């Protein structure tokens, strides 16, 4: 089961990507990032990421925490630098 959530409601609290993140999570992720542009994205618990979710990260350029848990992303897609 995929989860895209804020770990806390405070300003700058991380947005976590957990499990398999399907295309439907792209809109949720975009909304959370736009709601708080200072919030980093923790993608270490993400086991699979749809390319639409990755495209949101590329477009909105949040800070990311850790190494993505999806081996495809780690191996083939460009690493996201600091937002």
PDB file of N, CA and C in Angstrom:
ATOM      1  N   UNK A   1       0.843  -1.186   0.000  1.00  0.00           N
ATOM      2  CA  UNK A   1       0.000   0.000   0.000  1.00  0.00           C
ATOM      3  C   UNK A   1       0.885   1.247   0.000  1.00  0.00           C
ATOM      4  N   UNK A   2       0.556   2.172  -0.847  1.00  0.00           N
ATOM      5  CA  UNK A   2       1.320   3.410  -0.962  1.00  0.00           C
ATOM      6  C   UNK A   2       0.810   4.446   0.024  1.00  0.00           C
ATOM      7  N   UNK A   3       1.743   5.225   0.487  1.00  0.00           N
ATOM      8  CA  UNK A   3       1.384   6.314   1.378  1.00  0.00           C
ATOM      9  C   UNK A   3       2.234   7.525   1.012  1.00  0.00           C
ATOM     10  N   UNK A   4       1.566   8.626   0.763  1.00  0.00           N
ATOM     11  CA  UNK A   4       2.231   9.920   0.610  1.00  0.00           C
ATOM     12  C   UNK A   4       1.616  10.782   1.703  1.00  0.00           C
ATOM     13  N   UNK A   5       2.443  11.153   2.677  1.00  0.00           N
ATOM     14  CA  UNK A   5       1.877  11.865   3.827  1.00  0.00           C
ATOM     15  C   UNK A   5       2.895  12.799   4.449  1.00  0.00           C
ATOM     16  N   UNK A   6       2.373  13.736   5.193  1.00  0.00           N
ATOM     17  CA  UNK A   6       3.205  14.606   6.022  1.00  0.00           C
ATOM     18  C   UNK A   6       3.381  13.913   7.362  1.00  0.00           C
ATOM     19  N   UNK A   7       4.580  13.937   7.904  1.00  0.00           N
ATOM     20  CA  UNK A   7       4.822  13.294   9.188  1.00  0.00           C
ATOM     21  C   UNK A   7       4.316  14.155  10.347  1.00  0.00           C
ATOM     22  N   UNK A   8       4.092  15.420  10.072  1.00  0.00           N
ATOM     23  CA  UNK A   8       3.652  16.372  11.085  1.00  0.00           C
ATOM     24  C   UNK A   8       2.968  17.503  10.328  1.00  0.00           C
ATOM     25  N   UNK A   9       2.192  18.285  11.000  1.00  0.00           N
ATOM     26  CA  UNK A   9       1.520  19.387  10.323  1.00  0.00           C
ATOM     27  C   UNK A   9       2.301  20.694  10.397  1.00  0.00           C
ATOM     28  N   UNK A  10       3.423  20.689  11.098  1.00  0.00           N
ATOM     29  CA  UNK A  10       4.216  21.903  11.247  1.00  0.00           C
ATOM     30  C   UNK A  10       4.937  22.293   9.972  1.00  0.00           C
ATOM     31  N   UNK A  11       5.247  23.572   9.869  1.00  0.00           N
ATOM     32  CA  UNK A  11       5.998  24.108   8.732  1.00  0.00           C
ATOM     33  C   UNK A  11       7.319  23.363   8.574  1.00  0.00           C
ATOM     34  N   UNK A  12       7.618  22.895   7.373  1.00  0.00           N
ATOM     35  CA  UNK A  12       8.875  22.227   7.102  1.00  0.00           C
ATOM     36  C   UNK A  12       8.918  20.756   7.470  1.00  0.00           C
ATOM     37  N   UNK A  13       7.807  20.203   7.949  1.00  0.00           N
ATOM     38  CA  UNK A  13       7.772  18.778   8.292  1.00  0.00           C
ATOM     39  C   UNK A  13       7.894  17.953   7.011  1.00  0.00           C
ATOM     40  N   UNK A  14       8.664  16.865   7.040  1.00  0.00           N
ATOM     41  CA  UNK A  14       8.889  16.070   5.827  1.00  0.00           C
ATOM     42  C   UNK A  14       7.624  15.451   5.252  1.00  0.00           C
ATOM     43  N   UNK A  15       7.659  15.281   3.946  1.00  0.00           N
ATOM     44  CA  UNK A  15       6.633  14.531   3.219  1.00  0.00           C
ATOM     45  C   UNK A  15       7.253  13.164   2.970  1.00  0.00           C
ATOM     46  N   UNK A  16       6.568  12.116   3.386  1.00  0.00           N
ATOM     47  CA  UNK A  16       7.112  10.766   3.247  1.00  0.00           C
ATOM     48  C   UNK A  16       6.451  10.019   2.101  1.00  0.00           C
ATOM     49  N   UNK A  17       7.284   9.345   1.314  1.00  0.00           N
ATOM     50  CA  UNK A  17       6.801   8.433   0.278  1.00  0.00           C
ATOM     51  C   UNK A  17       7.099   7.033   0.780  1.00  0.00           C
ATOM     52  N   UNK A  18       6.053   6.216   0.909  1.00  0.00           N
ATOM     53  CA  UNK A  18       6.220   4.879   1.479  1.00  0.00           C
ATOM     54  C   UNK A  18       5.562   3.833   0.589  1.00  0.00           C
ATOM     55  N   UNK A  19       6.247   2.712   0.402  1.00  0.00           N
ATOM     56  CA  UNK A  19       5.700   1.608  -0.376  1.00  0.00           C
ATOM     57  C   UNK A  19       5.710   1.912  -1.868  1.00  0.00           C
ATOM     58  N   UNK A  20       4.748   1.338  -2.571  1.00  0.00           N
ATOM     59  CA  UNK A  20       4.607   1.546  -4.016  1.00  0.00           C
ATOM     60  C   UNK A  20       3.832   2.838  -4.231  1.00  0.00           C
ATOM     61  N   UNK A  21       4.416   3.780  -4.970  1.00  0.00           N
ATOM     62  CA  UNK A  21       3.772   5.070  -5.228  1.00  0.00           C
ATOM     63  C   UNK A  21       3.284   5.099  -6.673  1.00  0.00           C
ATOM     64  N   UNK A  22       1.983   4.820  -6.895  1.00  0.00           N
ATOM     65  CA  UNK A  22       1.434   4.778  -8.246  1.00  0.00           C
ATOM     66  C   UNK A  22       1.164   6.174  -8.797  1.00  0.00           C
ATOM     67  N   UNK A  23       0.709   6.217 -10.028  1.00  0.00           N
ATOM     68  CA  UNK A  23       0.440   7.481 -10.707  1.00  0.00           C
ATOM     69  C   UNK A  23      -0.510   8.362  -9.899  1.00  0.00           C
ATOM     70  N   UNK A  24      -1.447   7.767  -9.201  1.00  0.00           N
ATOM     71  CA  UNK A  24      -2.420   8.543  -8.422  1.00  0.00           C
ATOM     72  C   UNK A  24      -1.762   9.369  -7.318  1.00  0.00           C
ATOM     73  N   UNK A  25      -0.583   8.962  -6.877  1.00  0.00           N
ATOM     74  CA  UNK A  25       0.109   9.696  -5.818  1.00  0.00           C
ATOM     75  C   UNK A  25       0.773  10.978  -6.306  1.00  0.00           C
ATOM     76  N   UNK A  26       0.911  11.128  -7.603  1.00  0.00           N
ATOM     77  CA  UNK A  26       1.574  12.316  -8.144  1.00  0.00           C
ATOM     78  C   UNK A  26       0.818  13.593  -7.765  1.00  0.00           C
ATOM     79  N   UNK A  27      -0.472  13.581  -7.885  1.00  0.00           N
ATOM     80  CA  UNK A  27      -1.267  14.771  -7.560  1.00  0.00           C
ATOM     81  C   UNK A  27      -1.201  15.087  -6.061  1.00  0.00           C
ATOM     82  N   UNK A  28      -1.288  14.058  -5.229  1.00  0.00           N
ATOM     83  CA  UNK A  28      -1.188  14.260  -3.782  1.00  0.00           C
ATOM     84  C   UNK A  28       0.172  14.842  -3.420  1.00  0.00           C
ATOM     85  N   UNK A  29       1.222  14.287  -3.995  1.00  0.00           N
ATOM     86  CA  UNK A  29       2.572  14.777  -3.727  1.00  0.00           C
ATOM     87  C   UNK A  29       2.721  16.233  -4.149  1.00  0.00           C
ATOM     88  N   UNK A  30       2.250  16.551  -5.342  1.00  0.00           N
ATOM     89  CA  UNK A  30       2.343  17.936  -5.825  1.00  0.00           C
ATOM     90  C   UNK A  30       1.612  18.893  -4.879  1.00  0.00           C
ATOM     91  N   UNK A  31       0.439  18.508  -4.437  1.00  0.00           N
ATOM     92  CA  UNK A  31      -0.333  19.362  -3.523  1.00  0.00           C
ATOM     93  C   UNK A  31       0.408  19.596  -2.211  1.00  0.00           C
ATOM     94  N   UNK A  32       0.984  18.526  -1.663  1.00  0.00           N
ATOM     95  CA  UNK A  32       1.705  18.665  -0.397  1.00  0.00           C
ATOM     96  C   UNK A  32       2.948  19.533  -0.547  1.00  0.00           C
ATOM     97  N   UNK A  33       3.668  19.377  -1.643  1.00  0.00           N
ATOM     98  CA  UNK A  33       4.861  20.200  -1.868  1.00  0.00           C
ATOM     99  C   UNK A  33       4.471  21.666  -2.044  1.00  0.00           C
ATOM    100  N   UNK A  34       3.436  21.927  -2.821  1.00  0.00           N
ATOM    101  CA  UNK A  34       3.018  23.309  -3.060  1.00  0.00           C
ATOM    102  C   UNK A  34       2.432  23.955  -1.802  1.00  0.00           C
ATOM    103  N   UNK A  35       1.864  23.136  -0.930  1.00  0.00           N
ATOM    104  CA  UNK A  35       1.311  23.626   0.324  1.00  0.00           C
ATOM    105  C   UNK A  35       2.413  24.153   1.256  1.00  0.00           C
ATOM    106  N   UNK A  36       3.586  23.518   1.195  1.00  0.00           N
ATOM    107  CA  UNK A  36       4.711  23.931   2.041  1.00  0.00           C
ATOM    108  C   UNK A  36       6.009  23.708   1.266  1.00  0.00           C
ATOM    109  N   UNK A  37       6.483  24.750   0.620  1.00  0.00           N
ATOM    110  CA  UNK A  37       7.675  24.642  -0.234  1.00  0.00           C
ATOM    111  C   UNK A  37       8.951  24.369   0.568  1.00  0.00           C
ATOM    112  N   UNK A  38       8.917  24.502   1.894  1.00  0.00           N
ATOM    113  CA  UNK A  38      10.094  24.217   2.706  1.00  0.00           C
ATOM    114  C   UNK A  38      10.169  22.754   3.133  1.00  0.00           C
ATOM    115  N   UNK A  39       9.114  21.996   2.899  1.00  0.00           N
ATOM    116  CA  UNK A  39       9.066  20.598   3.342  1.00  0.00           C
ATOM    117  C   UNK A  39       9.938  19.710   2.456  1.00  0.00           C
ATOM    118  N   UNK A  40      10.880  18.986   3.039  1.00  0.00           N
ATOM    119  CA  UNK A  40      11.662  18.037   2.247  1.00  0.00           C
ATOM    120  C   UNK A  40      10.846  16.769   1.996  1.00  0.00           C
ATOM    121  N   UNK A  41      11.259  16.000   1.016  1.00  0.00           N
ATOM    122  CA  UNK A  41      10.610  14.726   0.713  1.00  0.00           C
ATOM    123  C   UNK A  41      11.555  13.606   1.134  1.00  0.00           C
ATOM    124  N   UNK A  42      11.046  12.725   1.984  1.00  0.00           N
ATOM    125  CA  UNK A  42      11.802  11.545   2.408  1.00  0.00           C
ATOM    126  C   UNK A  42      11.306  10.371   1.570  1.00  0.00           C
ATOM    127  N   UNK A  43      12.169   9.902   0.670  1.00  0.00           N
ATOM    128  CA  UNK A  43      11.769   8.827  -0.248  1.00  0.00           C
ATOM    129  C   UNK A  43      12.467   7.508   0.046  1.00  0.00           C
ATOM    130  N   UNK A  44      13.064   7.395   1.212  1.00  0.00           N
ATOM    131  CA  UNK A  44      13.813   6.184   1.548  1.00  0.00           C
ATOM    132  C   UNK A  44      12.923   4.953   1.689  1.00  0.00           C
ATOM    133  N   UNK A  45      11.664   5.106   2.064  1.00  0.00           N
ATOM    134  CA  UNK A  45      10.758   3.965   2.242  1.00  0.00           C
ATOM    135  C   UNK A  45       9.944   3.659   0.985  1.00  0.00           C
ATOM    136  N   UNK A  46      10.186   4.380  -0.088  1.00  0.00           N
ATOM    137  CA  UNK A  46       9.474   4.141  -1.349  1.00  0.00           C
ATOM    138  C   UNK A  46      10.091   2.912  -2.034  1.00  0.00           C
ATOM    139  N   UNK A  47       9.276   1.902  -2.305  1.00  0.00           N
ATOM    140  CA  UNK A  47       9.789   0.681  -2.932  1.00  0.00           C
ATOM    141  C   UNK A  47       9.611   0.678  -4.443  1.00  0.00           C
ATOM    142  N   UNK A  48       8.646   1.409  -4.931  1.00  0.00           N
ATOM    143  CA  UNK A  48       8.428   1.592  -6.373  1.00  0.00           C
ATOM    144  C   UNK A  48       7.830   2.968  -6.579  1.00  0.00           C
ATOM    145  N   UNK A  49       8.286   3.647  -7.646  1.00  0.00           N
ATOM    146  CA  UNK A  49       7.807   4.995  -7.910  1.00  0.00           C
ATOM    147  C   UNK A  49       7.395   5.105  -9.374  1.00  0.00           C
ATOM    148  N   UNK A  50       6.145   5.473  -9.608  1.00  0.00           N
ATOM    149  CA  UNK A  50       5.683   5.724 -10.973  1.00  0.00           C
ATOM    150  C   UNK A  50       6.420   6.946 -11.507  1.00  0.00           C
ATOM    151  N   UNK A  51       6.681   6.957 -12.793  1.00  0.00           N
ATOM    152  CA  UNK A  51       7.419   8.086 -13.372  1.00  0.00           C
ATOM    153  C   UNK A  51       6.689   9.417 -13.193  1.00  0.00           C
ATOM    154  N   UNK A  52       5.373   9.402 -13.071  1.00  0.00           N
ATOM    155  CA  UNK A  52       4.633  10.651 -12.831  1.00  0.00           C
ATOM    156  C   UNK A  52       5.009  11.242 -11.473  1.00  0.00           C
ATOM    157  N   UNK A  53       5.231  10.397 -10.498  1.00  0.00           N
ATOM    158  CA  UNK A  53       5.651  10.872  -9.172  1.00  0.00           C
ATOM    159  C   UNK A  53       7.051  11.474  -9.275  1.00  0.00           C
ATOM    160  N   UNK A  54       7.932  10.799  -9.999  1.00  0.00           N
ATOM    161  CA  UNK A  54       9.286  11.320 -10.193  1.00  0.00           C
ATOM    162  C   UNK A  54       9.258  12.654 -10.946  1.00  0.00           C
ATOM    163  N   UNK A  55       8.371  12.774 -11.918  1.00  0.00           N
ATOM    164  CA  UNK A  55       8.260  14.020 -12.681  1.00  0.00           C
ATOM    165  C   UNK A  55       7.819  15.180 -11.791  1.00  0.00           C
ATOM    166  N   UNK A  56       6.952  14.910 -10.824  1.00  0.00           N
ATOM    167  CA  UNK A  56       6.560  15.955  -9.867  1.00  0.00           C
ATOM    168  C   UNK A  56       7.795  16.425  -9.103  1.00  0.00           C
ATOM    169  N   UNK A  57       8.619  15.471  -8.671  1.00  0.00           N
ATOM    170  CA  UNK A  57       9.837  15.839  -7.950  1.00  0.00           C
ATOM    171  C   UNK A  57      10.785  16.647  -8.828  1.00  0.00           C
ATOM    172  N   UNK A  58      10.916  16.247 -10.080  1.00  0.00           N
ATOM    173  CA  UNK A  58      11.786  16.994 -10.999  1.00  0.00           C
ATOM    174  C   UNK A  58      11.267  18.404 -11.246  1.00  0.00           C
ATOM    175  N   UNK A  59       9.974  18.533 -11.388  1.00  0.00           N
ATOM    176  CA  UNK A  59       9.386  19.840 -11.702  1.00  0.00           C
ATOM    177  C   UNK A  59       9.400  20.786 -10.509  1.00  0.00           C
ATOM    178  N   UNK A  60       9.036  20.273  -9.334  1.00  0.00           N
ATOM    179  CA  UNK A  60       8.886  21.153  -8.167  1.00  0.00           C
ATOM    180  C   UNK A  60      10.165  21.261  -7.339  1.00  0.00           C
ATOM    181  N   UNK A  61      11.124  20.363  -7.537  1.00  0.00           N
ATOM    182  CA  UNK A  61      12.469  20.414  -6.947  1.00  0.00           C
ATOM    183  C   UNK A  61      12.501  20.604  -5.430  1.00  0.00           C
ATOM    184  N   UNK A  62      11.774  19.776  -4.675  1.00  0.00           N
ATOM    185  CA  UNK A  62      11.905  19.886  -3.219  1.00  0.00           C
ATOM    186  C   UNK A  62      13.256  19.307  -2.781  1.00  0.00           C
ATOM    187  N   UNK A  63      13.665  19.606  -1.584  1.00  0.00           N
ATOM    188  CA  UNK A  63      14.819  18.920  -1.013  1.00  0.00           C
ATOM    189  C   UNK A  63      14.405  17.474  -0.790  1.00  0.00           C
ATOM    190  N   UNK A  64      15.327  16.544  -0.993  1.00  0.00           N
ATOM    191  CA  UNK A  64      15.020  15.134  -0.748  1.00  0.00           C
ATOM    192  C   UNK A  64      15.940  14.606   0.346  1.00  0.00           C
ATOM    193  N   UNK A  65      15.408  13.688   1.126  1.00  0.00           N
ATOM    194  CA  UNK A  65      16.157  13.094   2.225  1.00  0.00           C
ATOM    195  C   UNK A  65      16.505  11.655   1.885  1.00  0.00           C
ATOM    196  N   UNK A  66      17.754  11.285   2.059  1.00  0.00           N
ATOM    197  CA  UNK A  66      18.177   9.908   1.877  1.00  0.00           C
ATOM    198  C   UNK A  66      18.252   9.480   0.429  1.00  0.00           C
ATOM    199  N   UNK A  67      18.359   8.168   0.254  1.00  0.00           N
ATOM    200  CA  UNK A  67      18.415   7.548  -1.065  1.00  0.00           C
ATOM    201  C   UNK A  67      17.075   6.891  -1.335  1.00  0.00           C
ATOM    202  N   UNK A  68      16.556   7.060  -2.523  1.00  0.00           N
ATOM    203  CA  UNK A  68      15.272   6.469  -2.873  1.00  0.00           C
ATOM    204  C   UNK A  68      15.333   4.956  -2.714  1.00  0.00           C
ATOM    205  N   UNK A  69      14.274   4.378  -2.170  1.00  0.00           N
ATOM    206  CA  UNK A  69      14.193   2.936  -1.974  1.00  0.00           C
ATOM    207  C   UNK A  69      13.825   2.166  -3.229  1.00  0.00           C
ATOM    208  N   UNK A  70      13.506   2.854  -4.318  1.00  0.00           N
ATOM    209  CA  UNK A  70      13.190   2.189  -5.588  1.00  0.00           C
ATOM    210  C   UNK A  70      14.495   1.975  -6.344  1.00  0.00           C
ATOM    211  N   UNK A  71      14.912   0.709  -6.537  1.00  0.00           N
ATOM    212  CA  UNK A  71      16.188   0.450  -7.204  1.00  0.00           C
ATOM    213  C   UNK A  71      16.261   1.018  -8.618  1.00  0.00           C
ATOM    214  N   UNK A  72      15.137   1.085  -9.332  1.00  0.00           N
ATOM    215  CA  UNK A  72      15.130   1.647 -10.678  1.00  0.00           C
ATOM    216  C   UNK A  72      15.496   3.126 -10.635  1.00  0.00           C
ATOM    217  N   UNK A  73      14.892   3.843  -9.711  1.00  0.00           N
ATOM    218  CA  UNK A  73      15.189   5.273  -9.574  1.00  0.00           C
ATOM    219  C   UNK A  73      16.663   5.464  -9.236  1.00  0.00           C
ATOM    220  N   UNK A  74      17.159   4.677  -8.303  1.00  0.00           N
ATOM    221  CA  UNK A  74      18.561   4.793  -7.902  1.00  0.00           C
ATOM    222  C   UNK A  74      19.488   4.514  -9.081  1.00  0.00           C
ATOM    223  N   UNK A  75      19.163   3.497  -9.854  1.00  0.00           N
ATOM    224  CA  UNK A  75      20.059   3.083 -10.931  1.00  0.00           C
ATOM    225  C   UNK A  75      19.974   3.949 -12.178  1.00  0.00           C
ATOM    226  N   UNK A  76      18.764   4.318 -12.596  1.00  0.00           N
ATOM    227  CA  UNK A  76      18.587   4.902 -13.925  1.00  0.00           C
ATOM    228  C   UNK A  76      18.224   6.379 -13.975  1.00  0.00           C
ATOM    229  N   UNK A  77      17.629   6.900 -12.958  1.00  0.00           N
ATOM    230  CA  UNK A  77      17.175   8.291 -13.027  1.00  0.00           C
ATOM    231  C   UNK A  77      18.165   9.215 -12.335  1.00  0.00           C
ATOM    232  N   UNK A  78      18.255  10.403 -12.875  1.00  0.00           N
ATOM    233  CA  UNK A  78      19.183  11.398 -12.327  1.00  0.00           C
ATOM    234  C   UNK A  78      18.835  11.672 -10.865  1.00  0.00           C
ATOM    235  N   UNK A  79      19.859  11.843 -10.073  1.00  0.00           N
ATOM    236  CA  UNK A  79      19.656  12.160  -8.673  1.00  0.00           C
ATOM    237  C   UNK A  79      19.182  13.592  -8.519  1.00  0.00           C
ATOM    238  N   UNK A  80      18.269  13.764  -7.601  1.00  0.00           N
ATOM    239  CA  UNK A  80      17.768  15.111  -7.313  1.00  0.00           C
ATOM    240  C   UNK A  80      18.692  15.759  -6.297  1.00  0.00           C
ATOM    241  N   UNK A  81      19.118  16.951  -6.612  1.00  0.00           N
ATOM    242  CA  UNK A  81      19.973  17.675  -5.680  1.00  0.00           C
ATOM    243  C   UNK A  81      19.136  18.495  -4.722  1.00  0.00           C
ATOM    244  N   UNK A  82      19.769  19.262  -3.879  1.00  0.00           N
ATOM    245  CA  UNK A  82      19.029  20.127  -2.959  1.00  0.00           C
ATOM    246  C   UNK A  82      18.096  21.041  -3.726  1.00  0.00           C
ATOM    247  N   UNK A  83      16.890  21.231  -3.143  1.00  0.00           N
ATOM    248  CA  UNK A  83      15.842  22.039  -3.765  1.00  0.00           C
ATOM    249  C   UNK A  83      16.310  23.385  -3.996  1.00  0.00           C
TER     250      UNK A  83
END
